[in-house]
Amino acid sequence: MMRWWLVLGAVNAFLSVAAGAFGAHALKARLPPDLLVIFETGARYHMYHALGLLAVGLLALLRPSSLLNGAGWAMLVGIVLFSGSLYALALSGVRVLGAVTPLGGLGFLAGWALFAIAAWRATP
C-alpha cells in the first residue's frame, strides 16, 4: 500500500495545481471574490494534504504500519470532503455544501494525528 500513497500524493498534487490554475485563470473573471477565495482555500488545502500523502508514503517505505494506512485514508477522505465541497460550493454557489466541509477537516485532523503517532512509534 505504501507505493499507493506516493502515487495518490503525486496525483493529488497534480490535481491541486490544476485546480489552482483553473481558479486563477478561468474563474477569476467569472466568480465573485468571496467564492473565488473559497475555491482557492480548497486548492490550498488540497495541496497541503497531497504533500501529507507523500509523507505517509515515504514514512511507510521506512516503517510500514496500519497507522500510516489509516493516516493516508483519513487524509484522502479529507481531500474529497473538504476540498471537494469547497470546489462544489464555489462553482455552484450552493452554500449548504459548506456543511460537508467540517467533516473533511475532521479527516485532516485524524490523518495528521495518526501520522504523528506512527512517526513517534517509527523512530528508534
Protein backbone atom coordinates (compact mmCIF):
# COMPACT_ATOMS: atom_id res chain seq x y z
CA MET A 1 0.00 0.00 0.00
CA MET A 2 2.94 2.33 0.65
CA ARG A 3 3.53 2.82 -3.08
CA TRP A 4 -0.11 3.81 -3.49
CA TRP A 5 0.23 6.68 -1.01
CA LEU A 6 3.11 8.05 -3.08
CA VAL A 7 1.09 7.73 -6.29
CA LEU A 8 -2.04 9.22 -4.70
CA GLY A 9 0.02 12.05 -3.24
CA ALA A 10 1.52 12.87 -6.63
CA VAL A 11 -1.84 12.63 -8.41
CA ASN A 12 -3.48 14.90 -5.83
CA ALA A 13 -0.62 17.40 -6.03
CA PHE A 14 -1.14 17.48 -9.80
CA LEU A 15 -4.89 17.98 -9.34
CA SER A 16 -4.42 20.75 -6.80
CA VAL A 17 -2.07 22.64 -9.13
CA ALA A 18 -4.60 22.22 -11.95
CA ALA A 19 -7.40 23.46 -9.67
CA GLY A 20 -5.33 26.43 -8.56
CA ALA A 21 -4.51 27.37 -12.14
CA PHE A 22 -8.16 26.94 -13.13
CA GLY A 23 -9.21 29.21 -10.28
CA ALA A 24 -6.58 31.84 -11.02
CA HIS A 25 -7.17 31.98 -14.76
CA ALA A 26 -10.59 30.64 -15.76
CA LEU A 27 -12.62 31.55 -12.68
CA LYS A 28 -11.13 34.91 -11.74
CA ALA A 29 -13.43 36.82 -14.10
CA ARG A 30 -16.43 34.52 -13.59
CA LEU A 31 -16.76 34.16 -9.82
CA PRO A 32 -17.45 36.83 -7.24
CA PRO A 33 -14.45 37.43 -4.94
CA ASP A 34 -15.95 35.57 -1.95
CA LEU A 35 -16.49 32.39 -3.99
CA LEU A 36 -13.03 32.68 -5.57
CA VAL A 37 -11.49 32.79 -2.08
CA ILE A 38 -13.44 29.64 -1.17
CA PHE A 39 -12.17 27.87 -4.31
CA GLU A 40 -8.59 28.94 -3.56
CA THR A 41 -8.90 27.63 0.01
CA GLY A 42 -9.95 24.25 -1.38
CA ALA A 43 -6.94 24.19 -3.72
CA ARG A 44 -4.52 25.22 -0.95
CA TYR A 45 -5.67 22.54 1.49
CA HIS A 46 -5.74 20.05 -1.37
CA MET A 47 -2.00 20.67 -1.90
CA TYR A 48 -1.17 20.56 1.80
CA HIS A 49 -2.73 17.15 2.08
CA ALA A 50 -1.29 15.87 -1.20
CA LEU A 51 2.07 16.57 0.44
CA GLY A 52 0.78 14.80 3.54
CA LEU A 53 0.03 11.72 1.43
CA LEU A 54 3.57 11.85 0.07
CA ALA A 55 4.89 12.00 3.64
CA VAL A 56 2.73 8.99 4.55
CA GLY A 57 4.14 7.06 1.58
CA LEU A 58 7.74 7.97 2.38
CA LEU A 59 7.46 7.02 6.04
CA ALA A 60 5.68 3.80 5.05
CA LEU A 61 8.68 2.89 2.88
CA LEU A 62 10.83 3.01 6.03
CA ARG A 63 8.37 1.65 8.57
CA PRO A 64 5.11 0.25 7.16
CA SER A 65 2.24 0.36 9.64
CA SER A 66 -1.52 0.22 9.80
CA LEU A 67 -1.45 3.64 11.47
CA LEU A 68 0.09 5.10 8.32
CA ASN A 69 -2.54 3.44 6.17
CA GLY A 70 -5.18 4.98 8.42
CA ALA A 71 -3.49 8.36 8.13
CA GLY A 72 -3.47 8.09 4.34
CA TRP A 73 -7.13 7.12 4.15
CA ALA A 74 -8.13 9.90 6.54
CA MET A 75 -6.22 12.50 4.50
CA LEU A 76 -7.70 11.20 1.25
CA VAL A 77 -11.23 11.34 2.65
CA GLY A 78 -10.42 14.82 3.95
CA ILE A 79 -9.36 15.96 0.48
CA VAL A 80 -12.55 14.66 -1.08
CA LEU A 81 -14.86 16.11 1.58
CA PHE A 82 -13.08 19.35 2.43
CA SER A 83 -11.61 20.47 -0.89
CA GLY A 84 -14.35 18.78 -2.91
CA SER A 85 -17.11 20.54 -1.00
CA LEU A 86 -15.35 23.90 -1.34
CA TYR A 87 -14.85 23.41 -5.07
CA ALA A 88 -18.51 22.45 -5.47
CA LEU A 89 -19.70 25.35 -3.31
CA ALA A 90 -17.61 27.89 -5.23
CA LEU A 91 -18.68 26.60 -8.65
CA SER A 92 -22.37 26.17 -7.83
CA GLY A 93 -22.93 28.89 -5.26
CA VAL A 94 -24.97 26.40 -3.19
CA ARG A 95 -23.95 27.38 0.33
CA VAL A 96 -25.40 24.28 2.01
CA LEU A 97 -22.45 22.33 0.56
CA GLY A 98 -20.34 24.10 3.18
CA ALA A 99 -21.93 21.81 5.77
CA VAL A 100 -19.78 18.94 4.43
CA THR A 101 -16.52 20.87 4.75
CA PRO A 102 -16.01 20.36 8.52
CA LEU A 103 -16.23 16.58 8.02
CA GLY A 104 -13.27 16.85 5.68
CA GLY A 105 -11.49 18.94 8.28
CA LEU A 106 -12.01 16.14 10.79
CA GLY A 107 -10.48 13.74 8.26
CA PHE A 108 -7.44 16.01 8.00
CA LEU A 109 -7.09 16.20 11.78
CA ALA A 110 -7.40 12.43 12.15
CA GLY A 111 -4.86 11.90 9.38
CA TRP A 112 -2.26 14.13 10.99
CA ALA A 113 -2.88 12.63 14.45
CA LEU A 114 -2.40 9.10 13.09
CA PHE A 115 0.69 10.24 11.18
CA ALA A 116 2.17 11.73 14.37
CA ILE A 117 1.58 8.53 16.33
CA ALA A 118 3.06 6.41 13.53
CA ALA A 119 6.10 8.71 13.27
CA TRP A 120 6.62 8.56 17.04
CA ARG A 121 6.50 4.78 17.00
CA ALA A 122 8.74 4.51 13.92
CA THR A 123 11.68 6.32 15.47
CA PRO A 124 14.17 4.21 17.41
